């Protein structure tokens, strides 16, 4: 198998604090240095107090104070428990603190609560990518892809991009190229499109080398 640059498989790291409800209005902040996407004004949290604490946690994430963020997300969970949005935020805080297995456990528990919530699949796939378990990443991202719709192109684009990265790391550059092309076609985020274009180029180069060999 042709080895891919280390930057290829990882560090998209999109913190998906998204509600899949159509009525949600989101204020999006994109952090180019870490490829983070932060979503504010989330109406998927019904309790007003929990929502305020959650937003305060997002502000901690923005300044990369993940310990403080985790505490606030946990407080929000105590008020409004079993909410996939809040639990995803706790999971993402855990992985930023180096607790990968704990993060994975939380995400797997969320699927038992709501198996249709797309951001959970995105985050779980990224966790498996971080541990270089690309087979598990592929499996969970493909499952999540069944719930991806054009009503939320942001999350769908991220999932497809991670699939592209995953397939490339498994040596299937042709399929990886297919998914990066899909992202370029549907993405409404300039930075994400630029990242997908870079991955597409590396896919093409590796596919060429593979065919030559």
Protein backbone atom coordinates (compact mmCIF):
# COMPACT_ATOMS: atom_id res chain seq x y z
CA UNK A 1 0.00 0.00 0.00
CA UNK A 2 1.25 3.45 -0.85
CA UNK A 3 1.81 5.51 2.28
CA UNK A 4 0.06 8.84 2.50
CA UNK A 5 1.29 11.98 4.15
CA UNK A 6 0.37 12.12 7.84
CA UNK A 7 -1.64 15.28 7.33
CA UNK A 8 -3.83 13.41 4.88
CA UNK A 9 -5.89 11.32 7.24
CA UNK A 10 -6.51 13.71 10.07
CA UNK A 11 -6.97 17.21 11.37
CA UNK A 12 -10.18 18.11 9.69
CA UNK A 13 -11.42 17.97 13.30
CA UNK A 14 -14.78 19.56 12.84
CA UNK A 15 -16.46 20.01 16.18
CA UNK A 16 -20.00 19.28 15.16
CA UNK A 17 -22.30 20.97 17.66
CA UNK A 18 -25.26 20.89 15.30
CA UNK A 19 -28.94 20.21 15.62
CA UNK A 20 -30.42 18.36 12.66
CA UNK A 21 -33.70 20.22 13.01
CA UNK A 22 -34.56 22.12 9.82
CA UNK A 23 -35.76 25.17 11.74
CA UNK A 24 -32.41 25.80 13.35
CA UNK A 25 -30.67 29.03 12.50
CA UNK A 26 -26.94 28.81 12.97
CA UNK A 27 -24.23 31.37 13.34
CA UNK A 28 -21.13 29.64 11.99
CA UNK A 29 -17.54 30.46 12.86
CA UNK A 30 -14.81 28.66 10.91
CA UNK A 31 -11.35 28.45 12.48
CA UNK A 32 -8.89 28.01 9.64
CA UNK A 33 -5.91 27.12 11.80
CA UNK A 34 -7.57 24.02 13.30
CA UNK A 35 -10.34 23.44 10.75
CA UNK A 36 -12.92 23.80 13.53
CA UNK A 37 -16.48 24.69 12.73
CA UNK A 38 -18.40 26.06 15.72
CA UNK A 39 -22.16 26.37 15.61
CA UNK A 40 -23.94 28.86 17.87
CA UNK A 41 -27.60 29.75 18.51
CA UNK A 42 -28.62 26.12 18.58
CA UNK A 43 -32.34 25.66 19.04
CA UNK A 44 -32.04 21.93 19.49
CA UNK A 45 -31.60 22.54 23.24
CA UNK A 46 -35.05 23.27 24.66
CA UNK A 47 -34.20 24.34 28.20
CA UNK A 48 -33.16 27.99 28.19
CA UNK A 49 -30.72 27.64 31.10
CA UNK A 50 -29.11 24.57 29.56
CA UNK A 51 -28.81 26.39 26.25
CA UNK A 52 -27.08 29.39 27.84
CA UNK A 53 -24.59 27.16 29.63
CA UNK A 54 -24.01 25.24 26.40
CA UNK A 55 -23.26 28.44 24.47
CA UNK A 56 -20.84 29.48 27.23
CA UNK A 57 -19.13 26.13 26.74
CA UNK A 58 -18.85 26.80 23.01
CA UNK A 59 -17.13 30.07 23.80
CA UNK A 60 -14.60 28.12 25.88
CA UNK A 61 -14.06 25.79 22.92
CA UNK A 62 -13.34 28.82 20.76
CA UNK A 63 -10.46 29.83 23.05
CA UNK A 64 -9.46 26.15 23.38
CA UNK A 65 -10.22 25.90 27.11
CA UNK A 66 -11.59 22.39 26.76
CA UNK A 67 -11.56 21.57 30.47
CA UNK A 68 -13.87 24.48 31.20
CA UNK A 69 -15.96 23.65 28.15
CA UNK A 70 -16.45 20.07 29.33
CA UNK A 71 -17.62 21.23 32.75
CA UNK A 72 -20.20 23.55 31.19
CA UNK A 73 -21.42 20.95 28.72
CA UNK A 74 -21.73 18.48 31.60
CA UNK A 75 -23.77 21.04 33.55
CA UNK A 76 -26.03 21.49 30.53
CA UNK A 77 -26.42 17.70 30.34
CA UNK A 78 -27.49 17.57 33.99
CA UNK A 79 -30.30 19.98 33.16
CA UNK A 80 -31.32 18.48 29.83
CA UNK A 81 -29.97 14.96 29.66
CA UNK A 82 -29.89 12.53 26.74
CA UNK A 83 -29.66 15.42 24.26
CA UNK A 84 -27.39 14.31 21.37
CA UNK A 85 -26.20 17.88 20.80
CA UNK A 86 -24.94 18.30 24.36
CA UNK A 87 -23.49 14.79 24.53
CA UNK A 88 -21.60 15.33 21.26
CA UNK A 89 -20.12 18.47 22.76
CA UNK A 90 -18.97 16.56 25.84
CA UNK A 91 -17.46 13.90 23.60
CA UNK A 92 -15.58 16.47 21.53
CA UNK A 93 -14.23 18.06 24.70
CA UNK A 94 -13.01 14.66 25.90
CA UNK A 95 -11.09 13.98 22.71
CA UNK A 96 -9.47 17.41 22.85
CA UNK A 97 -8.31 16.53 26.36
CA UNK A 98 -6.77 13.32 25.04
CA UNK A 99 -9.49 11.00 26.29
CA UNK A 100 -10.16 9.28 22.97
CA UNK A 101 -11.71 6.08 24.33
CA UNK A 102 -14.02 8.03 26.64
CA UNK A 103 -15.09 10.15 23.69
CA UNK A 104 -15.85 7.05 21.63
CA UNK A 105 -17.88 5.52 24.47
CA UNK A 106 -20.03 8.65 24.72
CA UNK A 107 -20.64 8.72 20.97
CA UNK A 108 -21.64 5.05 20.90
CA UNK A 109 -24.10 5.72 23.72
CA UNK A 110 -25.62 8.59 21.71
CA UNK A 111 -26.40 6.20 18.84
CA UNK A 112 -28.56 4.21 21.28
CA UNK A 113 -30.49 7.41 22.03
CA UNK A 114 -30.79 8.63 18.44
CA UNK A 115 -29.37 6.53 15.63
CA UNK A 116 -30.31 9.12 12.99
CA UNK A 117 -28.29 12.07 14.32
CA UNK A 118 -25.66 12.64 11.64
CA UNK A 119 -23.05 14.64 13.65
CA UNK A 120 -22.54 11.65 15.95
CA UNK A 121 -21.40 9.54 13.00
CA UNK A 122 -19.10 12.33 11.82
CA UNK A 123 -17.46 12.70 15.22
CA UNK A 124 -17.20 8.95 15.81
CA UNK A 125 -15.61 8.49 12.40
CA UNK A 126 -13.08 11.19 13.20
CA UNK A 127 -12.24 9.51 16.50
CA UNK A 128 -11.56 6.23 14.75
CA UNK A 129 -9.47 8.12 12.20
CA UNK A 130 -7.42 9.59 15.02
CA UNK A 131 -6.66 6.11 16.31
CA UNK A 132 -5.89 5.08 12.71
CA UNK A 133 -8.67 2.49 12.75
CA UNK A 134 -9.78 3.29 9.23
CA UNK A 135 -11.93 0.19 8.80
CA UNK A 136 -14.11 1.21 11.74
CA UNK A 137 -14.10 4.80 10.50
CA UNK A 138 -15.28 3.67 7.08
CA UNK A 139 -17.99 1.47 8.57
CA UNK A 140 -19.45 4.15 10.84
CA UNK A 141 -19.24 6.91 8.22
CA UNK A 142 -21.02 4.77 5.64
CA UNK A 143 -23.77 4.07 8.18
CA UNK A 144 -24.06 7.77 8.88
CA UNK A 145 -24.18 8.52 5.18
CA UNK A 146 -27.63 6.94 5.06
CA UNK A 147 -28.93 9.85 7.13
CA UNK A 148 -27.13 12.60 5.20
CA UNK A 149 -29.46 14.86 3.23
CA UNK A 150 -29.18 18.06 1.25
CA UNK A 151 -31.06 19.84 4.05
CA UNK A 152 -27.75 19.99 5.95
CA UNK A 153 -25.00 20.25 3.36
CA UNK A 154 -22.44 21.41 5.94
CA UNK A 155 -22.52 18.17 7.90
CA UNK A 156 -22.97 16.03 4.80
CA UNK A 157 -19.89 17.62 3.22
CA UNK A 158 -17.79 16.93 6.30
CA UNK A 159 -18.92 13.29 6.44
CA UNK A 160 -18.12 12.74 2.75
CA UNK A 161 -14.75 14.44 3.12
CA UNK A 162 -13.87 12.16 6.02
CA UNK A 163 -14.92 9.18 3.92
CA UNK A 164 -12.54 10.36 1.20
CA UNK A 165 -9.70 10.63 3.71
CA UNK A 166 -10.54 7.22 5.17
CA UNK A 167 -10.62 5.43 1.81
CA UNK A 168 -7.34 7.04 0.82
CA UNK A 169 -5.71 5.73 3.96
CA UNK A 170 -7.04 2.28 3.13
CA UNK A 171 -5.34 2.52 -0.25
CA UNK A 172 -8.60 2.84 -2.21
CA UNK A 173 -7.73 6.11 -3.91
CA UNK A 174 -10.39 5.72 -6.60
CA UNK A 175 -13.22 5.71 -4.05
CA UNK A 176 -11.48 8.43 -2.07
CA UNK A 177 -11.40 10.55 -5.20
CA UNK A 178 -15.10 9.95 -5.77
CA UNK A 179 -16.01 11.31 -2.35
CA UNK A 180 -13.73 14.35 -2.55
CA UNK A 181 -15.34 15.23 -5.89
CA UNK A 182 -18.76 14.98 -4.25
CA UNK A 183 -17.67 17.39 -1.53
CA UNK A 184 -16.38 19.90 -4.07
CA UNK A 185 -19.71 19.65 -5.86
CA UNK A 186 -21.99 20.23 -2.86
CA UNK A 187 -19.96 22.14 -0.25
CA UNK A 188 -21.16 25.63 0.56
CA UNK A 189 -18.11 26.43 2.66
CA UNK A 190 -15.11 27.88 0.84
CA UNK A 191 -12.50 26.60 3.30
CA UNK A 192 -13.99 23.11 3.26
CA UNK A 193 -13.98 23.12 -0.54
CA UNK A 194 -10.33 24.18 -0.56
CA UNK A 195 -9.47 21.34 1.82
CA UNK A 196 -11.38 18.86 -0.35
CA UNK A 197 -9.52 20.11 -3.42
CA UNK A 198 -6.21 19.44 -1.67
CA UNK A 199 -7.30 15.93 -0.76
CA UNK A 200 -8.50 15.34 -4.31
CA UNK A 201 -5.10 16.34 -5.66
CA UNK A 202 -3.27 14.00 -3.30
CA UNK A 203 -5.72 11.21 -4.22
CA UNK A 204 -5.01 11.70 -7.89
CA UNK A 205 -1.25 11.68 -7.30
CA UNK A 206 -1.40 8.48 -5.25
CA UNK A 207 -3.72 6.83 -7.77
CA UNK A 208 -1.27 7.68 -10.53
CA UNK A 209 1.64 6.20 -8.58
CA UNK A 210 -0.38 3.07 -7.83
CA UNK A 211 -1.24 2.59 -11.50
CA UNK A 212 2.38 3.07 -12.55
CA UNK A 213 3.54 0.48 -10.05
